Amino acid sequence: MKRVNDNDWIRKTFTECVQKRGTEILNFRGATSAASAASSAMDHIHDWEFGSEEWLSMCIDSKGNP
């Protein structure tokens, strides 16, 4: 695995990019990233219910109970 070994870039360029990502999505899509997350969740649930030819993932919270 490669590492970014440029602390100045991480602290300035990268951090600023991450902080402004919501605005970038809004400007690009004309909608917030929340709409994108909701759409992805609906697509995932649809595939669980009706099946898919692709891999699906699932998590079950057992709260430590056997």
PDB file of N, CA and C in Angstrom:
ATOM      1  N   MET A   1       0.848  -1.171   0.000  1.00  0.00           N
ATOM      2  CA  MET A   1       0.000   0.000   0.000  1.00  0.00           C
ATOM      3  C   MET A   1       0.896   1.238   0.000  1.00  0.00           C
ATOM      4  N   LYS A   2       0.556   2.195  -0.842  1.00  0.00           N
ATOM      5  CA  LYS A   2       1.310   3.442  -0.909  1.00  0.00           C
ATOM      6  C   LYS A   2       0.747   4.437   0.099  1.00  0.00           C
ATOM      7  N   ARG A   3       1.604   5.280   0.596  1.00  0.00           N
ATOM      8  CA  ARG A   3       1.191   6.308   1.547  1.00  0.00           C
ATOM      9  C   ARG A   3       1.504   7.688   0.983  1.00  0.00           C
ATOM     10  N   VAL A   4       0.668   8.639   1.307  1.00  0.00           N
ATOM     11  CA  VAL A   4       0.949  10.021   0.948  1.00  0.00           C
ATOM     12  C   VAL A   4       1.881  10.556   2.022  1.00  0.00           C
ATOM     13  N   ASN A   5       3.043  10.958   1.600  1.00  0.00           N
ATOM     14  CA  ASN A   5       4.050  11.406   2.559  1.00  0.00           C
ATOM     15  C   ASN A   5       4.281  12.913   2.423  1.00  0.00           C
ATOM     16  N   ASP A   6       3.186  13.653   2.305  1.00  0.00           N
ATOM     17  CA  ASP A   6       3.256  15.095   2.117  1.00  0.00           C
ATOM     18  C   ASP A   6       2.257  15.741   3.079  1.00  0.00           C
ATOM     19  N   ASN A   7       2.715  16.017   4.285  1.00  0.00           N
ATOM     20  CA  ASN A   7       1.822  16.560   5.317  1.00  0.00           C
ATOM     21  C   ASN A   7       1.226  17.912   4.929  1.00  0.00           C
ATOM     22  N   ASP A   8       1.971  18.720   4.199  1.00  0.00           N
ATOM     23  CA  ASP A   8       1.443  20.015   3.772  1.00  0.00           C
ATOM     24  C   ASP A   8       0.245  19.819   2.847  1.00  0.00           C
ATOM     25  N   TRP A   9       0.337  18.884   1.896  1.00  0.00           N
ATOM     26  CA  TRP A   9      -0.768  18.592   0.988  1.00  0.00           C
ATOM     27  C   TRP A   9      -1.968  18.040   1.761  1.00  0.00           C
ATOM     28  N   ILE A  10      -1.712  17.136   2.708  1.00  0.00           N
ATOM     29  CA  ILE A  10      -2.794  16.547   3.502  1.00  0.00           C
ATOM     30  C   ILE A  10      -3.520  17.618   4.297  1.00  0.00           C
ATOM     31  N   ARG A  11      -2.759  18.473   4.966  1.00  0.00           N
ATOM     32  CA  ARG A  11      -3.363  19.485   5.842  1.00  0.00           C
ATOM     33  C   ARG A  11      -4.077  20.597   5.081  1.00  0.00           C
ATOM     34  N   LYS A  12      -3.597  20.933   3.903  1.00  0.00           N
ATOM     35  CA  LYS A  12      -4.192  22.054   3.161  1.00  0.00           C
ATOM     36  C   LYS A  12      -5.104  21.571   2.036  1.00  0.00           C
ATOM     37  N   THR A  13      -4.527  21.014   1.000  1.00  0.00           N
ATOM     38  CA  THR A  13      -5.284  20.666  -0.206  1.00  0.00           C
ATOM     39  C   THR A  13      -6.332  19.598   0.058  1.00  0.00           C
ATOM     40  N   PHE A  14      -5.919  18.465   0.626  1.00  0.00           N
ATOM     41  CA  PHE A  14      -6.837  17.345   0.839  1.00  0.00           C
ATOM     42  C   PHE A  14      -7.930  17.695   1.838  1.00  0.00           C
ATOM     43  N   THR A  15      -7.553  18.284   2.960  1.00  0.00           N
ATOM     44  CA  THR A  15      -8.533  18.629   3.993  1.00  0.00           C
ATOM     45  C   THR A  15      -9.563  19.616   3.456  1.00  0.00           C
ATOM     46  N   GLU A  16      -9.112  20.602   2.709  1.00  0.00           N
ATOM     47  CA  GLU A  16     -10.045  21.576   2.124  1.00  0.00           C
ATOM     48  C   GLU A  16     -10.992  20.898   1.136  1.00  0.00           C
ATOM     49  N   CYS A  17     -10.478  19.971   0.356  1.00  0.00           N
ATOM     50  CA  CYS A  17     -11.306  19.240  -0.609  1.00  0.00           C
ATOM     51  C   CYS A  17     -12.399  18.444   0.108  1.00  0.00           C
ATOM     52  N   VAL A  18     -12.040  17.751   1.178  1.00  0.00           N
ATOM     53  CA  VAL A  18     -13.006  16.955   1.941  1.00  0.00           C
ATOM     54  C   VAL A  18     -14.054  17.857   2.589  1.00  0.00           C
ATOM     55  N   GLN A  19     -13.620  18.982   3.117  1.00  0.00           N
ATOM     56  CA  GLN A  19     -14.547  19.903   3.774  1.00  0.00           C
ATOM     57  C   GLN A  19     -15.569  20.481   2.798  1.00  0.00           C
ATOM     58  N   LYS A  20     -15.217  20.612   1.544  1.00  0.00           N
ATOM     59  CA  LYS A  20     -16.099  21.237   0.555  1.00  0.00           C
ATOM     60  C   LYS A  20     -16.831  20.231  -0.324  1.00  0.00           C
ATOM     61  N   ARG A  21     -16.739  18.944  -0.006  1.00  0.00           N
ATOM     62  CA  ARG A  21     -17.327  17.933  -0.889  1.00  0.00           C
ATOM     63  C   ARG A  21     -18.841  18.039  -0.999  1.00  0.00           C
ATOM     64  N   GLY A  22     -19.513  18.430   0.073  1.00  0.00           N
ATOM     65  CA  GLY A  22     -20.964  18.590   0.018  1.00  0.00           C
ATOM     66  C   GLY A  22     -21.376  19.657  -0.983  1.00  0.00           C
ATOM     67  N   THR A  23     -20.658  20.761  -0.975  1.00  0.00           N
ATOM     68  CA  THR A  23     -20.929  21.842  -1.922  1.00  0.00           C
ATOM     69  C   THR A  23     -20.645  21.397  -3.347  1.00  0.00           C
ATOM     70  N   GLU A  24     -19.563  20.627  -3.523  1.00  0.00           N
ATOM     71  CA  GLU A  24     -19.220  20.123  -4.864  1.00  0.00           C
ATOM     72  C   GLU A  24     -20.332  19.225  -5.403  1.00  0.00           C
ATOM     73  N   ILE A  25     -20.862  18.339  -4.562  1.00  0.00           N
ATOM     74  CA  ILE A  25     -21.947  17.447  -4.981  1.00  0.00           C
ATOM     75  C   ILE A  25     -23.184  18.259  -5.332  1.00  0.00           C
ATOM     76  N   LEU A  26     -23.511  19.223  -4.500  1.00  0.00           N
ATOM     77  CA  LEU A  26     -24.671  20.083  -4.746  1.00  0.00           C
ATOM     78  C   LEU A  26     -24.524  20.820  -6.081  1.00  0.00           C
ATOM     79  N   ASN A  27     -23.346  21.366  -6.342  1.00  0.00           N
ATOM     80  CA  ASN A  27     -23.119  22.093  -7.590  1.00  0.00           C
ATOM     81  C   ASN A  27     -23.167  21.163  -8.798  1.00  0.00           C
ATOM     82  N   PHE A  28     -22.640  19.963  -8.665  1.00  0.00           N
ATOM     83  CA  PHE A  28     -22.581  19.023  -9.776  1.00  0.00           C
ATOM     84  C   PHE A  28     -23.940  18.403 -10.078  1.00  0.00           C
ATOM     85  N   ARG A  29     -24.635  17.936  -9.034  1.00  0.00           N
ATOM     86  CA  ARG A  29     -25.888  17.213  -9.222  1.00  0.00           C
ATOM     87  C   ARG A  29     -27.119  18.102  -9.140  1.00  0.00           C
ATOM     88  N   GLY A  30     -26.978  19.238  -8.478  1.00  0.00           N
ATOM     89  CA  GLY A  30     -28.146  20.072  -8.241  1.00  0.00           C
ATOM     90  C   GLY A  30     -28.987  19.521  -7.104  1.00  0.00           C
ATOM     91  N   ALA A  31     -28.415  18.585  -6.341  1.00  0.00           N
ATOM     92  CA  ALA A  31     -29.102  17.979  -5.195  1.00  0.00           C
ATOM     93  C   ALA A  31     -28.053  17.653  -4.132  1.00  0.00           C
ATOM     94  N   THR A  32     -28.497  17.500  -2.916  1.00  0.00           N
ATOM     95  CA  THR A  32     -27.567  17.190  -1.837  1.00  0.00           C
ATOM     96  C   THR A  32     -27.115  15.738  -1.905  1.00  0.00           C
ATOM     97  N   SER A  33     -26.049  15.435  -1.181  1.00  0.00           N
ATOM     98  CA  SER A  33     -25.557  14.065  -1.138  1.00  0.00           C
ATOM     99  C   SER A  33     -26.525  13.163  -0.382  1.00  0.00           C
ATOM    100  N   ALA A  34     -27.401  13.732   0.444  1.00  0.00           N
ATOM    101  CA  ALA A  34     -28.391  12.932   1.169  1.00  0.00           C
ATOM    102  C   ALA A  34     -29.314  12.216   0.195  1.00  0.00           C
ATOM    103  N   ALA A  35     -29.664  12.881  -0.896  1.00  0.00           N
ATOM    104  CA  ALA A  35     -30.517  12.249  -1.906  1.00  0.00           C
ATOM    105  C   ALA A  35     -29.797  11.062  -2.535  1.00  0.00           C
ATOM    106  N   SER A  36     -28.512  11.184  -2.723  1.00  0.00           N
ATOM    107  CA  SER A  36     -27.721  10.098  -3.290  1.00  0.00           C
ATOM    108  C   SER A  36     -27.694   8.910  -2.334  1.00  0.00           C
ATOM    109  N   ALA A  37     -27.508   9.157  -1.043  1.00  0.00           N
ATOM    110  CA  ALA A  37     -27.490   8.086  -0.044  1.00  0.00           C
ATOM    111  C   ALA A  37     -28.851   7.404   0.043  1.00  0.00           C
ATOM    112  N   ALA A  38     -29.908   8.181   0.002  1.00  0.00           N
ATOM    113  CA  ALA A  38     -31.255   7.611   0.059  1.00  0.00           C
ATOM    114  C   ALA A  38     -31.530   6.757  -1.169  1.00  0.00           C
ATOM    115  N   SER A  39     -31.112   7.214  -2.329  1.00  0.00           N
ATOM    116  CA  SER A  39     -31.301   6.453  -3.557  1.00  0.00           C
ATOM    117  C   SER A  39     -30.535   5.136  -3.506  1.00  0.00           C
ATOM    118  N   SER A  40     -29.336   5.178  -2.991  1.00  0.00           N
ATOM    119  CA  SER A  40     -28.534   3.955  -2.861  1.00  0.00           C
ATOM    120  C   SER A  40     -29.185   2.968  -1.904  1.00  0.00           C
ATOM    121  N   ALA A  41     -29.720   3.463  -0.802  1.00  0.00           N
ATOM    122  CA  ALA A  41     -30.393   2.587   0.164  1.00  0.00           C
ATOM    123  C   ALA A  41     -31.617   1.930  -0.469  1.00  0.00           C
ATOM    124  N   MET A  42     -32.388   2.692  -1.217  1.00  0.00           N
ATOM    125  CA  MET A  42     -33.575   2.129  -1.873  1.00  0.00           C
ATOM    126  C   MET A  42     -33.180   1.077  -2.910  1.00  0.00           C
ATOM    127  N   ASP A  43     -32.120   1.333  -3.673  1.00  0.00           N
ATOM    128  CA  ASP A  43     -31.647   0.352  -4.647  1.00  0.00           C
ATOM    129  C   ASP A  43     -31.204  -0.934  -3.966  1.00  0.00           C
ATOM    130  N   HIS A  44     -30.527  -0.792  -2.839  1.00  0.00           N
ATOM    131  CA  HIS A  44     -30.033  -1.955  -2.103  1.00  0.00           C
ATOM    132  C   HIS A  44     -31.191  -2.805  -1.576  1.00  0.00           C
ATOM    133  N   ILE A  45     -32.167  -2.165  -0.974  1.00  0.00           N
ATOM    134  CA  ILE A  45     -33.331  -2.883  -0.445  1.00  0.00           C
ATOM    135  C   ILE A  45     -34.107  -3.553  -1.576  1.00  0.00           C
ATOM    136  N   HIS A  46     -34.224  -2.885  -2.702  1.00  0.00           N
ATOM    137  CA  HIS A  46     -34.889  -3.477  -3.861  1.00  0.00           C
ATOM    138  C   HIS A  46     -34.192  -4.778  -4.266  1.00  0.00           C
ATOM    139  N   ASP A  47     -32.860  -4.743  -4.323  1.00  0.00           N
ATOM    140  CA  ASP A  47     -32.112  -5.934  -4.721  1.00  0.00           C
ATOM    141  C   ASP A  47     -32.236  -7.057  -3.700  1.00  0.00           C
ATOM    142  N   TRP A  48     -32.293  -6.721  -2.400  1.00  0.00           N
ATOM    143  CA  TRP A  48     -32.510  -7.757  -1.377  1.00  0.00           C
ATOM    144  C   TRP A  48     -33.860  -8.432  -1.601  1.00  0.00           C
ATOM    145  N   GLU A  49     -34.873  -7.638  -1.866  1.00  0.00           N
ATOM    146  CA  GLU A  49     -36.233  -8.156  -1.997  1.00  0.00           C
ATOM    147  C   GLU A  49     -36.447  -8.943  -3.294  1.00  0.00           C
ATOM    148  N   PHE A  50     -35.957  -8.410  -4.384  1.00  0.00           N
ATOM    149  CA  PHE A  50     -36.253  -8.994  -5.689  1.00  0.00           C
ATOM    150  C   PHE A  50     -35.079  -9.744  -6.325  1.00  0.00           C
ATOM    151  N   GLY A  51     -33.921  -9.703  -5.652  1.00  0.00           N
ATOM    152  CA  GLY A  51     -32.759 -10.421  -6.160  1.00  0.00           C
ATOM    153  C   GLY A  51     -31.926  -9.585  -7.113  1.00  0.00           C
ATOM    154  N   SER A  52     -30.729 -10.078  -7.351  1.00  0.00           N
ATOM    155  CA  SER A  52     -29.804  -9.387  -8.230  1.00  0.00           C
ATOM    156  C   SER A  52     -28.785 -10.393  -8.743  1.00  0.00           C
ATOM    157  N   GLU A  53     -28.207 -10.104  -9.869  1.00  0.00           N
ATOM    158  CA  GLU A  53     -27.137 -10.935 -10.421  1.00  0.00           C
ATOM    159  C   GLU A  53     -25.787 -10.556  -9.824  1.00  0.00           C
ATOM    160  N   GLU A  54     -25.748  -9.502  -9.025  1.00  0.00           N
ATOM    161  CA  GLU A  54     -24.502  -9.022  -8.434  1.00  0.00           C
ATOM    162  C   GLU A  54     -24.438  -9.370  -6.951  1.00  0.00           C
ATOM    163  N   TRP A  55     -23.250  -9.229  -6.361  1.00  0.00           N
ATOM    164  CA  TRP A  55     -23.071  -9.466  -4.931  1.00  0.00           C
ATOM    165  C   TRP A  55     -23.841  -8.424  -4.129  1.00  0.00           C
ATOM    166  N   LEU A  56     -24.447  -8.861  -3.032  1.00  0.00           N
ATOM    167  CA  LEU A  56     -25.138  -7.963  -2.110  1.00  0.00           C
ATOM    168  C   LEU A  56     -24.521  -8.135  -0.729  1.00  0.00           C
ATOM    169  N   SER A  57     -24.628  -7.118   0.102  1.00  0.00           N
ATOM    170  CA  SER A  57     -24.100  -7.217   1.453  1.00  0.00           C
ATOM    171  C   SER A  57     -25.223  -7.017   2.456  1.00  0.00           C
ATOM    172  N   MET A  58     -25.003  -7.538   3.662  1.00  0.00           N
ATOM    173  CA  MET A  58     -26.010  -7.425   4.714  1.00  0.00           C
ATOM    174  C   MET A  58     -25.308  -7.447   6.065  1.00  0.00           C
ATOM    175  N   CYS A  59     -25.889  -6.794   7.027  1.00  0.00           N
ATOM    176  CA  CYS A  59     -25.364  -6.801   8.395  1.00  0.00           C
ATOM    177  C   CYS A  59     -26.513  -7.063   9.346  1.00  0.00           C
ATOM    178  N   ILE A  60     -26.278  -7.937  10.313  1.00  0.00           N
ATOM    179  CA  ILE A  60     -27.273  -8.206  11.336  1.00  0.00           C
ATOM    180  C   ILE A  60     -26.650  -7.913  12.686  1.00  0.00           C
ATOM    181  N   ASP A  61     -27.229  -6.987  13.424  1.00  0.00           N
ATOM    182  CA  ASP A  61     -26.735  -6.619  14.736  1.00  0.00           C
ATOM    183  C   ASP A  61     -27.277  -7.604  15.761  1.00  0.00           C
ATOM    184  N   SER A  62     -26.410  -8.429  16.320  1.00  0.00           N
ATOM    185  CA  SER A  62     -26.875  -9.452  17.242  1.00  0.00           C
ATOM    186  C   SER A  62     -26.819  -9.006  18.697  1.00  0.00           C
ATOM    187  N   LYS A  63     -26.224  -7.853  18.960  1.00  0.00           N
ATOM    188  CA  LYS A  63     -26.077  -7.339  20.316  1.00  0.00           C
ATOM    189  C   LYS A  63     -25.377  -8.347  21.218  1.00  0.00           C
ATOM    190  N   GLY A  64     -24.552  -9.204  20.643  1.00  0.00           N
ATOM    191  CA  GLY A  64     -23.785 -10.169  21.408  1.00  0.00           C
ATOM    192  C   GLY A  64     -24.551 -11.397  21.836  1.00  0.00           C
ATOM    193  N   ASN A  65     -25.827 -11.499  21.477  1.00  0.00           N
ATOM    194  CA  ASN A  65     -26.620 -12.666  21.859  1.00  0.00           C
ATOM    195  C   ASN A  65     -26.304 -13.835  20.912  1.00  0.00           C
ATOM    196  N   PRO A  66     -26.159 -15.030  21.456  1.00  0.00           N
ATOM    197  CA  PRO A  66     -25.870 -16.168  20.575  1.00  0.00           C
ATOM    198  C   PRO A  66     -27.066 -16.561  19.740  1.00  0.00           C
TER     199      PRO A  66
END
